[in-house]
N, C-alpha and C. Protein backbone atom coordinates (compact mmCIF):
# COMPACT_ATOMS: atom_id res chain seq x y z
N MET A 1 97.80 -32.36 -10.66
CA MET A 1 96.85 -31.59 -10.89
C MET A 1 95.78 -30.98 -9.76
N ASN A 2 95.77 -29.74 -9.86
CA ASN A 2 95.03 -29.21 -8.48
C ASN A 2 93.36 -29.05 -9.15
N ILE A 3 92.65 -29.51 -8.40
CA ILE A 3 91.34 -29.33 -8.76
C ILE A 3 90.53 -28.53 -7.80
N GLU A 4 90.21 -27.02 -8.22
CA GLU A 4 89.58 -26.44 -7.40
C GLU A 4 88.25 -26.88 -6.58
N PRO A 5 88.21 -26.67 -5.62
CA PRO A 5 86.69 -27.02 -4.93
C PRO A 5 85.60 -26.08 -5.47
N GLY A 6 84.52 -26.89 -5.63
CA GLY A 6 83.39 -26.11 -6.30
C GLY A 6 82.90 -25.20 -5.37
N HIS A 7 82.07 -24.24 -5.85
CA HIS A 7 81.67 -23.12 -5.17
C HIS A 7 80.03 -23.27 -5.00
N HIS A 8 79.56 -23.42 -3.98
CA HIS A 8 78.03 -23.56 -3.83
C HIS A 8 77.55 -22.34 -3.90
N VAL A 9 76.91 -21.74 -4.96
CA VAL A 9 75.85 -20.66 -5.10
C VAL A 9 74.50 -20.52 -4.50
N GLU A 10 74.38 -19.86 -3.97
CA GLU A 10 73.15 -19.62 -3.04
C GLU A 10 72.17 -18.93 -4.22
N PRO A 11 70.98 -19.41 -4.19
CA PRO A 11 69.76 -18.56 -5.15
C PRO A 11 69.56 -17.51 -4.76
N ARG A 12 69.34 -16.31 -5.50
CA ARG A 12 69.20 -15.12 -5.10
C ARG A 12 67.97 -14.95 -4.51
N GLY A 13 67.70 -14.23 -3.44
CA GLY A 13 66.25 -14.31 -2.61
C GLY A 13 65.85 -12.93 -2.56
N ILE A 14 66.61 -12.04 -3.30
CA ILE A 14 66.06 -10.54 -3.04
C ILE A 14 64.39 -10.57 -3.72
N GLY A 15 63.74 -10.00 -2.61
CA GLY A 15 62.32 -10.03 -3.08
C GLY A 15 61.34 -11.22 -3.13
N HIS A 16 62.08 -12.37 -3.04
CA HIS A 16 61.26 -13.40 -2.79
C HIS A 16 60.19 -13.72 -1.58
N LYS A 17 61.07 -13.17 -0.57
CA LYS A 17 60.08 -13.47 0.83
C LYS A 17 58.87 -12.38 0.83
N TRP A 18 59.28 -11.15 0.19
CA TRP A 18 57.95 -10.27 0.19
C TRP A 18 57.00 -10.44 -0.84
N PHE A 19 57.26 -11.33 -1.86
CA PHE A 19 56.46 -11.84 -2.91
C PHE A 19 55.87 -13.02 -2.17
N ASP A 20 56.35 -13.82 -1.55
CA ASP A 20 55.26 -14.76 -0.91
C ASP A 20 54.44 -14.36 0.03
N VAL A 21 54.86 -13.17 0.73
CA VAL A 21 53.82 -12.52 1.83
C VAL A 21 52.82 -11.82 0.90
N GLY A 22 53.01 -11.19 -0.23
CA GLY A 22 52.02 -10.58 -0.62
C GLY A 22 51.20 -11.60 -1.38
N ILE A 23 51.70 -12.63 -1.94
CA ILE A 23 50.51 -13.64 -2.17
C ILE A 23 49.82 -14.23 -1.09
N THR A 24 50.54 -14.41 -0.18
CA THR A 24 49.45 -14.93 0.96
C THR A 24 48.48 -13.83 1.64
N ILE A 25 48.93 -12.63 1.45
CA ILE A 25 47.75 -11.61 1.75
C ILE A 25 46.73 -11.34 0.85
N ALA A 26 47.25 -11.63 -0.58
CA ALA A 26 46.40 -11.40 -1.67
C ALA A 26 45.22 -12.80 -1.26
N ILE A 27 45.73 -13.90 -1.09
CA ILE A 27 44.71 -15.18 -1.13
C ILE A 27 43.91 -14.98 0.35
N LEU A 28 44.33 -14.16 1.22
CA LEU A 28 43.45 -13.83 2.28
C LEU A 28 42.63 -12.94 2.10
N LEU A 29 43.00 -11.76 1.40
CA LEU A 29 42.01 -10.91 1.08
C LEU A 29 40.72 -11.66 0.22
N ILE A 30 41.28 -12.31 -0.77
CA ILE A 30 39.96 -12.77 -1.44
C ILE A 30 39.40 -13.78 -0.77
N SER A 31 39.69 -14.68 0.09
CA SER A 31 38.95 -15.52 0.85
C SER A 31 37.92 -14.80 1.87
N VAL A 32 38.65 -13.54 2.35
CA VAL A 32 37.52 -12.62 3.01
C VAL A 32 36.55 -12.15 2.19
N SER A 33 37.11 -11.74 0.98
CA SER A 33 35.80 -11.12 0.14
C SER A 33 35.07 -11.94 0.08
N SER A 34 35.04 -13.21 -0.55
CA SER A 34 34.48 -14.20 -1.10
C SER A 34 33.35 -14.56 0.02
N LEU A 35 34.03 -14.43 1.82
CA LEU A 35 33.23 -14.84 2.69
C LEU A 35 32.14 -13.61 2.68
N VAL A 36 32.52 -12.57 2.64
CA VAL A 36 31.49 -11.25 2.74
C VAL A 36 30.72 -11.40 1.66
N VAL A 37 31.02 -11.81 0.49
CA VAL A 37 29.89 -11.60 -0.65
C VAL A 37 29.02 -12.68 -0.24
N ALA A 38 29.44 -13.82 0.28
CA ALA A 38 28.74 -15.17 0.55
C ALA A 38 27.52 -14.73 1.55
N ILE A 39 28.02 -14.11 2.82
CA ILE A 39 27.17 -13.53 3.63
C ILE A 39 26.06 -12.67 3.19
N VAL A 40 26.71 -11.65 2.49
CA VAL A 40 25.59 -10.58 1.94
C VAL A 40 24.76 -11.30 0.85
N HIS A 41 25.12 -11.99 0.12
CA HIS A 41 24.12 -12.65 -0.73
C HIS A 41 23.13 -13.64 0.01
N SER A 42 23.67 -14.40 1.14
CA SER A 42 22.79 -15.14 1.94
C SER A 42 21.62 -14.08 2.66
N GLN A 43 22.01 -12.86 3.03
CA GLN A 43 21.12 -11.85 3.63
C GLN A 43 20.09 -11.35 2.86
N THR A 44 20.72 -11.34 1.49
CA THR A 44 19.68 -10.69 0.33
C THR A 44 19.01 -11.67 -0.02
N LEU A 45 19.05 -13.01 -0.04
CA LEU A 45 17.98 -14.00 -0.30
C LEU A 45 17.05 -14.23 0.84
N GLU A 46 17.61 -13.85 2.14
CA GLU A 46 16.44 -14.27 3.11
C GLU A 46 15.66 -12.97 3.12
N ARG A 47 16.09 -11.92 2.56
CA ARG A 47 15.20 -10.52 2.56
C ARG A 47 14.18 -10.68 1.53
N MET A 48 14.84 -11.38 0.49
CA MET A 48 13.73 -11.63 -0.64
C MET A 48 12.72 -12.57 -0.55
N ALA A 49 13.11 -13.95 0.35
CA ALA A 49 12.37 -14.60 0.68
C ALA A 49 11.23 -14.21 1.72
N ASP A 50 11.67 -13.40 2.52
CA ASP A 50 10.81 -12.93 3.55
C ASP A 50 9.69 -11.62 2.45
N ALA A 51 10.39 -11.06 1.85
CA ALA A 51 9.53 -9.95 0.91
C ALA A 51 8.42 -10.70 0.01
N ASN A 52 8.88 -11.81 -0.49
CA ASN A 52 7.92 -12.86 -1.13
C ASN A 52 7.02 -13.26 -0.43
N SER A 53 7.28 -13.72 0.76
CA SER A 53 6.19 -14.23 1.90
C SER A 53 5.28 -13.25 2.37
N ARG A 54 5.75 -11.79 2.50
CA ARG A 54 4.90 -10.81 2.96
C ARG A 54 3.97 -10.67 1.66
N LEU A 55 4.32 -10.80 0.44
CA LEU A 55 3.65 -10.30 -0.68
C LEU A 55 2.68 -11.48 -0.96
N VAL A 56 2.95 -12.52 -0.80
CA VAL A 56 1.85 -13.66 -0.88
C VAL A 56 0.75 -13.22 0.16
N GLU A 57 1.20 -13.08 1.29
CA GLU A 57 0.30 -12.95 2.54
C GLU A 57 -0.62 -11.61 2.19
N ALA A 58 -0.03 -10.67 1.71
CA ALA A 58 -0.71 -9.35 1.28
C ALA A 58 -1.81 -9.53 0.24
N ASN A 59 -1.66 -10.44 -0.78
CA ASN A 59 -2.34 -10.75 -1.99
C ASN A 59 -3.35 -11.65 -1.56
N SER A 60 -3.22 -12.22 -0.36
CA SER A 60 -4.29 -13.38 0.22
C SER A 60 -5.27 -12.60 1.50
N TRP A 61 -4.89 -11.36 1.49
CA TRP A 61 -5.25 -10.73 2.74
C TRP A 61 -7.18 -10.50 2.75
N PRO A 62 -7.78 -11.16 3.63
CA PRO A 62 -9.08 -10.51 3.64
C PRO A 62 -9.60 -9.50 4.73
N PHE A 63 -10.27 -8.95 4.46
CA PHE A 63 -10.84 -7.64 5.27
C PHE A 63 -12.25 -7.65 5.19
N LEU A 64 -12.95 -7.94 6.36
CA LEU A 64 -14.50 -7.89 6.54
C LEU A 64 -14.75 -6.53 7.06
N SER A 65 -16.09 -6.00 6.34
CA SER A 65 -16.63 -4.67 6.86
C SER A 65 -17.94 -4.79 6.96
N TYR A 66 -18.69 -3.78 7.56
CA TYR A 66 -20.30 -3.94 7.68
C TYR A 66 -20.78 -2.96 6.45
N ASN A 67 -21.79 -3.41 5.96
CA ASN A 67 -22.39 -2.71 4.77
C ASN A 67 -24.09 -2.56 5.19
N THR A 68 -24.50 -1.50 4.96
CA THR A 68 -25.95 -0.96 5.23
C THR A 68 -26.71 -0.05 4.13
N ALA A 69 -27.76 -0.44 3.72
CA ALA A 69 -28.49 0.31 2.73
C ALA A 69 -30.01 0.68 3.33
N ASN A 70 -30.39 1.56 3.05
CA ASN A 70 -31.90 1.84 2.95
C ASN A 70 -32.38 2.56 1.63
N GLY A 71 -33.18 1.51 1.01
CA GLY A 71 -34.09 1.81 -0.19
C GLY A 71 -35.23 1.31 -0.20
N ARG A 72 -35.30 0.40 -1.30
CA ARG A 72 -36.46 -0.46 -1.30
C ARG A 72 -36.57 -1.26 0.01
N ASN A 73 -35.41 -1.74 0.35
CA ASN A 73 -35.11 -2.77 1.45
C ASN A 73 -34.33 -1.99 2.58
N ILE A 74 -34.45 -2.24 3.65
CA ILE A 74 -33.22 -2.18 4.61
C ILE A 74 -32.39 -3.35 4.72
N SER A 75 -31.10 -3.33 4.61
CA SER A 75 -30.48 -4.37 4.53
C SER A 75 -28.89 -4.07 5.56
N MET A 76 -28.61 -5.29 6.00
CA MET A 76 -27.35 -5.03 6.94
C MET A 76 -26.56 -6.26 6.39
N SER A 77 -25.15 -6.01 6.08
CA SER A 77 -24.62 -7.38 5.37
C SER A 77 -22.96 -7.18 5.76
N ILE A 78 -22.21 -8.27 5.78
CA ILE A 78 -20.94 -8.49 5.93
C ILE A 78 -20.24 -8.58 4.30
N VAL A 79 -19.26 -7.80 4.13
CA VAL A 79 -18.51 -7.56 3.02
C VAL A 79 -17.07 -8.06 3.08
N ASN A 80 -16.39 -8.86 2.03
CA ASN A 80 -15.06 -8.82 2.06
C ASN A 80 -14.63 -7.84 1.21
N ASP A 81 -13.80 -6.63 1.78
CA ASP A 81 -13.44 -5.80 1.11
C ASP A 81 -11.90 -5.80 0.98
N GLY A 82 -11.39 -7.29 1.23
CA GLY A 82 -9.97 -7.36 1.06
C GLY A 82 -9.57 -8.02 -0.19
N VAL A 83 -8.46 -8.73 -0.51
CA VAL A 83 -8.08 -9.41 -1.78
C VAL A 83 -8.14 -10.98 -1.67
N GLY A 84 -8.14 -11.41 -0.56
CA GLY A 84 -8.18 -12.89 -0.39
C GLY A 84 -9.49 -13.34 0.25
N PRO A 85 -9.81 -14.40 0.19
CA PRO A 85 -10.78 -15.37 0.83
C PRO A 85 -10.89 -15.06 2.43
N ALA A 86 -11.98 -14.96 3.05
CA ALA A 86 -11.86 -15.05 4.68
C ALA A 86 -12.86 -16.30 4.96
N LYS A 87 -12.10 -17.12 5.90
CA LYS A 87 -12.74 -17.98 6.60
C LYS A 87 -13.67 -17.74 7.54
N ILE A 88 -14.75 -17.54 7.70
CA ILE A 88 -15.48 -16.87 8.77
C ILE A 88 -15.80 -17.87 9.86
N GLU A 89 -15.16 -17.86 10.81
CA GLU A 89 -15.29 -18.76 11.96
C GLU A 89 -16.51 -18.36 13.09
N THR A 90 -16.56 -17.31 13.51
CA THR A 90 -18.04 -16.98 14.46
C THR A 90 -18.19 -15.48 14.04
N VAL A 91 -19.79 -15.45 14.23
CA VAL A 91 -20.60 -14.31 14.04
C VAL A 91 -21.38 -14.01 15.33
N GLU A 92 -21.35 -12.89 15.99
CA GLU A 92 -22.30 -12.47 16.92
C GLU A 92 -22.91 -11.33 16.62
N VAL A 93 -24.17 -11.11 16.59
CA VAL A 93 -24.96 -9.99 16.21
C VAL A 93 -25.50 -9.62 17.70
N LYS A 94 -25.28 -8.31 18.12
CA LYS A 94 -25.87 -8.02 19.65
C LYS A 94 -26.47 -6.42 19.25
N TRP A 95 -27.47 -6.65 20.23
CA TRP A 95 -28.17 -5.24 20.47
C TRP A 95 -28.05 -5.00 22.01
N HIS A 96 -27.70 -3.64 22.49
CA HIS A 96 -27.50 -3.37 23.88
C HIS A 96 -26.65 -4.61 24.41
N GLY A 97 -25.49 -5.24 23.67
CA GLY A 97 -24.86 -6.16 24.10
C GLY A 97 -25.22 -7.43 24.58
N ARG A 98 -26.66 -7.66 24.00
CA ARG A 98 -27.13 -9.18 24.07
C ARG A 98 -27.04 -9.84 22.42
N ALA A 99 -26.38 -11.00 22.61
CA ALA A 99 -26.32 -11.63 21.35
C ALA A 99 -27.81 -12.09 20.90
N HIS A 100 -27.84 -12.45 19.68
CA HIS A 100 -28.87 -12.95 19.08
C HIS A 100 -28.92 -14.04 18.08
N ARG A 101 -29.71 -15.21 18.14
CA ARG A 101 -29.51 -16.44 17.18
C ARG A 101 -29.86 -16.12 15.93
N ASP A 102 -30.72 -15.28 15.35
CA ASP A 102 -31.27 -15.21 14.18
C ASP A 102 -31.96 -13.61 13.94
N ALA A 103 -32.42 -13.44 12.57
CA ALA A 103 -32.68 -12.20 12.41
C ALA A 103 -34.02 -11.98 12.91
N VAL A 104 -34.87 -12.83 13.19
CA VAL A 104 -36.16 -12.47 13.95
C VAL A 104 -35.98 -12.12 15.24
N ASP A 105 -35.11 -13.00 16.00
CA ASP A 105 -34.98 -12.64 17.47
C ASP A 105 -34.25 -10.84 17.62
N PHE A 106 -33.33 -10.69 16.59
CA PHE A 106 -32.81 -9.45 16.56
C PHE A 106 -33.58 -8.37 16.31
N LEU A 107 -34.82 -8.67 15.54
CA LEU A 107 -35.46 -7.54 15.02
C LEU A 107 -36.63 -7.43 16.11
N GLN A 108 -37.15 -8.39 16.74
CA GLN A 108 -37.96 -8.30 17.96
C GLN A 108 -37.38 -7.45 19.06
N GLU A 109 -35.94 -7.58 19.37
CA GLU A 109 -35.60 -6.97 20.48
C GLU A 109 -35.20 -5.23 19.95
N CYS A 110 -34.64 -5.13 18.74
CA CYS A 110 -34.45 -3.79 18.38
C CYS A 110 -35.37 -2.83 18.23
N CYS A 111 -36.45 -3.34 17.31
CA CYS A 111 -37.33 -2.71 16.57
C CYS A 111 -38.84 -3.07 17.06
N GLY A 112 -39.06 -3.95 17.64
CA GLY A 112 -40.66 -4.40 18.06
C GLY A 112 -41.18 -5.13 16.96
N PHE A 113 -40.19 -5.96 16.26
CA PHE A 113 -40.94 -6.56 14.88
C PHE A 113 -41.93 -7.81 15.30
N ARG A 114 -43.04 -7.66 14.58
CA ARG A 114 -43.83 -8.79 14.66
C ARG A 114 -43.78 -9.82 13.69
N PRO A 115 -43.48 -11.01 14.06
CA PRO A 115 -43.05 -12.03 13.00
C PRO A 115 -44.37 -12.36 12.22
N GLY A 116 -44.30 -12.37 10.89
CA GLY A 116 -45.42 -12.69 9.91
C GLY A 116 -45.88 -11.21 9.29
N THR A 117 -45.16 -10.05 9.66
CA THR A 117 -45.59 -8.87 9.07
C THR A 117 -44.77 -8.59 7.86
N ALA A 118 -43.74 -9.28 7.85
CA ALA A 118 -42.90 -9.34 6.29
C ALA A 118 -42.14 -10.56 6.30
N ASP A 119 -41.76 -10.93 5.05
CA ASP A 119 -40.81 -11.76 4.63
C ASP A 119 -39.32 -11.34 4.52
N ILE A 120 -38.84 -11.40 5.91
CA ILE A 120 -37.45 -11.19 5.91
C ILE A 120 -36.50 -12.14 5.45
N GLU A 121 -35.33 -11.85 5.24
CA GLU A 121 -34.04 -12.53 4.87
C GLU A 121 -32.94 -12.24 5.54
N PHE A 122 -32.33 -13.61 5.61
CA PHE A 122 -31.01 -13.46 6.51
C PHE A 122 -30.55 -14.70 5.90
N GLU A 123 -28.96 -14.96 6.14
CA GLU A 123 -28.16 -16.00 5.89
C GLU A 123 -27.53 -16.76 7.10
N LEU A 124 -27.24 -18.01 6.87
CA LEU A 124 -26.02 -18.74 7.82
C LEU A 124 -24.84 -18.07 7.53
N ILE A 125 -23.99 -17.50 8.30
CA ILE A 125 -22.75 -16.87 7.92
C ILE A 125 -21.49 -17.46 8.53
N ALA A 126 -21.84 -18.07 9.87
CA ALA A 126 -20.33 -18.56 10.54
C ALA A 126 -20.04 -20.06 9.62
N GLY A 127 -18.87 -20.48 9.36
CA GLY A 127 -18.57 -21.45 9.09
C GLY A 127 -18.54 -21.54 7.35
N ARG A 128 -18.57 -20.13 6.70
CA ARG A 128 -18.67 -19.67 5.42
C ARG A 128 -17.38 -19.30 4.93
N VAL A 129 -17.03 -19.46 3.83
CA VAL A 129 -15.82 -18.96 3.32
C VAL A 129 -16.45 -17.68 2.17
N LEU A 130 -15.92 -16.42 2.52
CA LEU A 130 -16.16 -15.67 1.90
C LEU A 130 -15.26 -15.00 0.90
N ARG A 131 -15.50 -15.02 -0.64
CA ARG A 131 -14.20 -14.73 -1.48
C ARG A 131 -14.14 -12.93 -1.36
N ALA A 132 -13.10 -12.52 -2.12
CA ALA A 132 -13.15 -11.03 -2.29
C ALA A 132 -13.95 -10.59 -2.84
N GLY A 133 -14.57 -9.55 -2.57
CA GLY A 133 -16.03 -8.71 -3.26
C GLY A 133 -17.24 -9.32 -2.88
N GLN A 134 -17.42 -10.50 -2.21
CA GLN A 134 -18.69 -10.75 -2.05
C GLN A 134 -19.25 -10.36 -0.87
N SER A 135 -20.41 -10.69 -0.48
CA SER A 135 -21.22 -10.39 0.83
C SER A 135 -22.31 -11.41 1.51
N LEU A 136 -22.45 -11.47 2.61
CA LEU A 136 -23.18 -12.18 3.21
C LEU A 136 -24.28 -11.39 3.77
N ASN A 137 -25.57 -11.54 3.77
CA ASN A 137 -26.63 -10.98 4.43
C ASN A 137 -27.09 -11.44 5.91
N ILE A 138 -26.84 -10.08 6.63
CA ILE A 138 -27.35 -10.51 8.16
C ILE A 138 -28.59 -10.41 8.25
N VAL A 139 -29.46 -9.32 7.74
CA VAL A 139 -30.80 -9.40 7.60
C VAL A 139 -31.09 -8.39 6.34
N THR A 140 -32.25 -8.58 5.73
CA THR A 140 -32.74 -7.91 4.73
C THR A 140 -34.48 -7.61 4.98
N VAL A 141 -34.88 -6.48 5.17
CA VAL A 141 -36.52 -6.26 5.53
C VAL A 141 -36.78 -5.55 4.20
N PRO A 142 -38.20 -5.96 3.51
CA PRO A 142 -38.56 -5.29 2.50
C PRO A 142 -39.38 -4.20 2.89
N HIS A 143 -39.62 -3.19 2.35
CA HIS A 143 -40.31 -1.77 2.82
C HIS A 143 -41.80 -1.96 2.62
N THR A 144 -42.08 -3.27 2.27
CA THR A 144 -43.55 -3.80 2.31
C THR A 144 -43.94 -4.06 3.93
N LEU A 145 -43.01 -3.92 4.70
CA LEU A 145 -43.16 -3.95 6.25
C LEU A 145 -44.71 -3.37 6.68
N ALA A 146 -45.81 -4.19 7.08
CA ALA A 146 -46.80 -3.39 7.51
C ALA A 146 -46.82 -2.73 8.50
N ASP A 147 -45.61 -3.01 9.39
CA ASP A 147 -45.58 -2.34 10.65
C ASP A 147 -44.50 -1.33 10.41
N GLU A 148 -44.92 0.04 10.21
CA GLU A 148 -44.29 1.39 10.09
C GLU A 148 -43.15 1.74 11.03
N PRO A 149 -43.68 1.73 12.28
CA PRO A 149 -42.79 1.88 13.52
C PRO A 149 -41.67 0.96 13.60
N ALA A 150 -41.94 -0.46 13.20
CA ALA A 150 -40.73 -1.53 13.18
C ALA A 150 -39.56 -1.04 12.01
N TRP A 151 -40.29 -0.45 11.20
CA TRP A 151 -39.41 -0.29 9.71
C TRP A 151 -38.62 0.92 10.45
N SER A 152 -39.15 1.90 10.89
CA SER A 152 -38.42 2.99 11.31
C SER A 152 -37.42 2.84 12.41
N ALA A 153 -37.60 2.06 13.16
CA ALA A 153 -36.80 1.59 14.40
C ALA A 153 -35.81 0.85 13.77
N LEU A 154 -35.84 0.24 12.54
CA LEU A 154 -34.86 -0.61 12.33
C LEU A 154 -33.83 -0.14 11.15
N ASN A 155 -34.27 1.29 10.74
CA ASN A 155 -33.73 2.36 10.18
C ASN A 155 -32.61 3.05 11.08
N ARG A 156 -33.12 3.33 12.34
CA ARG A 156 -32.29 3.81 12.99
C ARG A 156 -31.37 2.85 13.76
N ALA A 157 -31.82 1.57 14.04
CA ALA A 157 -30.92 0.62 14.66
C ALA A 157 -29.60 0.14 13.68
N ARG A 158 -29.85 0.26 12.55
CA ARG A 158 -28.55 -0.28 11.79
C ARG A 158 -27.49 0.66 11.67
N ILE A 159 -27.46 1.58 12.32
CA ILE A 159 -26.31 2.53 12.54
C ILE A 159 -26.08 2.97 13.79
N SER A 160 -27.09 2.18 14.85
CA SER A 160 -26.84 2.81 16.09
C SER A 160 -25.56 2.35 16.73
N PRO A 161 -25.14 3.07 17.79
CA PRO A 161 -24.06 2.52 18.65
C PRO A 161 -24.32 1.41 19.46
N GLU A 162 -25.75 1.43 19.55
CA GLU A 162 -26.19 -0.13 20.59
C GLU A 162 -26.15 -1.34 19.83
N LEU A 163 -25.67 -1.40 18.50
CA LEU A 163 -25.62 -2.33 17.49
C LEU A 163 -23.87 -2.71 17.50
N SER A 164 -23.74 -4.26 17.54
CA SER A 164 -22.45 -4.67 17.39
C SER A 164 -22.51 -6.09 16.39
N VAL A 165 -21.60 -5.96 15.70
CA VAL A 165 -21.50 -7.31 14.76
C VAL A 165 -20.08 -7.65 14.98
N ASP A 166 -19.87 -8.41 15.86
CA ASP A 166 -18.65 -9.21 16.29
C ASP A 166 -18.22 -10.43 15.19
N VAL A 167 -17.03 -10.23 14.29
CA VAL A 167 -16.82 -11.25 13.62
C VAL A 167 -15.50 -11.70 13.92
N CYS A 168 -15.06 -13.09 13.76
CA CYS A 168 -13.88 -13.54 13.86
C CYS A 168 -13.52 -14.32 12.60
N TYR A 169 -12.32 -14.09 11.85
CA TYR A 169 -12.10 -14.62 10.31
C TYR A 169 -10.76 -14.94 10.28
N CYS A 170 -10.41 -15.96 9.45
CA CYS A 170 -8.91 -16.36 9.07
C CYS A 170 -8.97 -16.06 7.58
N SER A 171 -7.47 -16.17 7.46
CA SER A 171 -6.96 -15.89 6.06
C SER A 171 -7.00 -17.77 5.32
N VAL A 172 -6.40 -17.82 4.51
CA VAL A 172 -5.98 -19.12 4.06
C VAL A 172 -4.88 -19.55 4.56
N PHE A 173 -4.01 -18.71 5.21
CA PHE A 173 -2.56 -19.15 6.04
C PHE A 173 -2.96 -19.12 7.37
N ASP A 174 -4.30 -18.97 7.77
CA ASP A 174 -4.58 -19.36 9.10
C ASP A 174 -4.46 -18.03 9.98
N GLN A 175 -4.00 -16.93 9.36
CA GLN A 175 -3.85 -15.78 10.06
C GLN A 175 -5.28 -15.22 10.52
N CYS A 176 -5.64 -14.78 11.65
CA CYS A 176 -7.16 -14.66 12.16
C CYS A 176 -7.13 -13.22 12.77
N TRP A 177 -8.39 -12.52 12.65
CA TRP A 177 -8.62 -11.47 13.14
C TRP A 177 -9.88 -11.47 13.71
N THR A 178 -10.18 -10.48 14.74
CA THR A 178 -11.56 -10.45 15.29
C THR A 178 -11.93 -8.78 15.29
N GLU A 179 -13.22 -8.39 15.22
CA GLU A 179 -13.31 -7.11 15.15
C GLU A 179 -15.03 -6.74 14.93
N ASP A 180 -15.39 -5.83 15.77
CA ASP A 180 -16.94 -5.28 15.88
C ASP A 180 -16.89 -4.73 14.31
N ILE A 181 -17.25 -5.34 13.31
CA ILE A 181 -17.18 -4.37 12.09
C ILE A 181 -17.97 -3.16 12.01
N VAL A 182 -19.18 -3.19 12.97
CA VAL A 182 -19.82 -1.94 12.85
C VAL A 182 -18.95 -0.60 13.17
N ARG A 183 -18.05 -0.83 13.91
CA ARG A 183 -17.03 0.39 14.38
C ARG A 183 -16.23 0.82 13.29
N PHE A 184 -16.10 0.13 12.04
CA PHE A 184 -15.59 0.51 10.96
C PHE A 184 -14.06 0.73 11.14
N SER A 185 -13.21 -0.12 11.98
CA SER A 185 -11.81 0.17 12.22
C SER A 185 -11.10 -0.51 11.07
N LEU A 186 -9.88 0.21 10.66
CA LEU A 186 -9.15 -0.58 9.52
C LEU A 186 -7.99 -1.35 10.57
N LYS A 187 -7.97 -1.50 11.64
CA LYS A 187 -6.98 -2.45 12.14
C LYS A 187 -7.62 -3.28 13.08
N PRO A 188 -8.13 -4.35 12.58
CA PRO A 188 -8.91 -5.38 13.18
C PRO A 188 -7.80 -6.11 14.19
N ARG A 189 -8.20 -6.79 15.37
CA ARG A 189 -7.24 -7.33 16.27
C ARG A 189 -6.82 -8.55 15.80
N GLU A 190 -5.62 -8.76 15.76
CA GLU A 190 -5.27 -10.14 15.19
C GLU A 190 -4.95 -10.96 16.40
N VAL A 191 -5.63 -12.33 16.35
CA VAL A 191 -5.52 -13.23 17.44
C VAL A 191 -5.01 -14.78 16.80
N GLU A 192 -4.57 -15.46 17.93
CA GLU A 192 -3.94 -16.91 17.37
C GLU A 192 -4.94 -17.73 16.91
N ARG A 193 -6.32 -17.61 17.39
CA ARG A 193 -7.32 -18.52 16.81
C ARG A 193 -8.56 -18.11 17.14
N CYS A 194 -9.73 -18.29 16.63
CA CYS A 194 -11.02 -17.81 16.73
C CYS A 194 -11.64 -18.64 17.80
N LEU A 195 -12.15 -18.36 18.93
CA LEU A 195 -12.94 -18.89 20.03
C LEU A 195 -14.54 -18.79 19.61
N ALA A 196 -15.01 -19.98 20.02
CA ALA A 196 -16.51 -20.27 19.78
C ALA A 196 -17.32 -19.34 20.25
N ALA A 197 -18.21 -18.81 19.51
CA ALA A 197 -19.38 -17.70 20.20
C ALA A 197 -20.31 -18.68 21.18
N ALA A 198 -20.65 -17.70 22.25
CA ALA A 198 -21.68 -18.55 23.16
C ALA A 198 -22.90 -18.36 22.45
N ILE A 199 -23.10 -17.59 21.67
CA ILE A 199 -24.67 -17.59 21.07
C ILE A 199 -24.15 -17.00 19.48
N PRO A 200 -23.81 -17.62 18.67
CA PRO A 200 -23.65 -17.58 17.14
C PRO A 200 -24.98 -17.22 16.56
N TYR A 201 -24.48 -16.22 15.53
CA TYR A 201 -25.35 -15.63 14.66
C TYR A 201 -26.10 -16.66 13.61
N GLY A 202 -27.37 -17.01 13.34
CA GLY A 202 -28.09 -17.39 12.29
C GLY A 202 -28.21 -18.99 12.28
N ILE A 203 -28.33 -19.46 13.59
CA ILE A 203 -28.59 -20.90 13.72
C ILE A 203 -30.08 -20.87 13.63
N PRO A 204 -30.38 -21.93 12.90
CA PRO A 204 -31.94 -22.37 12.59
C PRO A 204 -32.52 -22.70 13.62
N ARG A 205 -33.77 -22.11 13.66
CA ARG A 205 -34.70 -22.49 14.82
C ARG A 205 -35.10 -23.86 14.84
């Protein structure tokens, strides 16, 4: 009996190699796409976090300005026109560049005020927290002042270029600014921290 040797049949490989290559390329493209999506997502989250941080800071932004009025009283005050509380670190009220300790000292130099001729009012300002919309009184002089020349002099001094009110204040996030608020600038100078004033305004005698 003759037994014919068996024939080894090779599996048909037509197209298998290209199929494997295609699968590999597809997997690579999916991996690259996933990496790109992950990077873009991460950058988007960073931008959102930065935007949220800026929004929180903006909603807590203080802005101190100068306010003065002349009616039954002459008043000079500091107002928080921002949207967040202001921590007032230092205040200097100057006339011709010289700082004054209180309202009486300031009025005597600027206006020839004689103590005892009127019941003037002023507040301790430095070391206070001023909420949005609140104000603090630099000085208020009633129109009952017997010394009319002093009243007229103060009426001129309250808007004089010789007057300066230097204030350094910080937000609740300890961002700090300094400015002579009488100059009505919308861009106070940002500083790392507030330095102590040589002659702070409002110290009790």
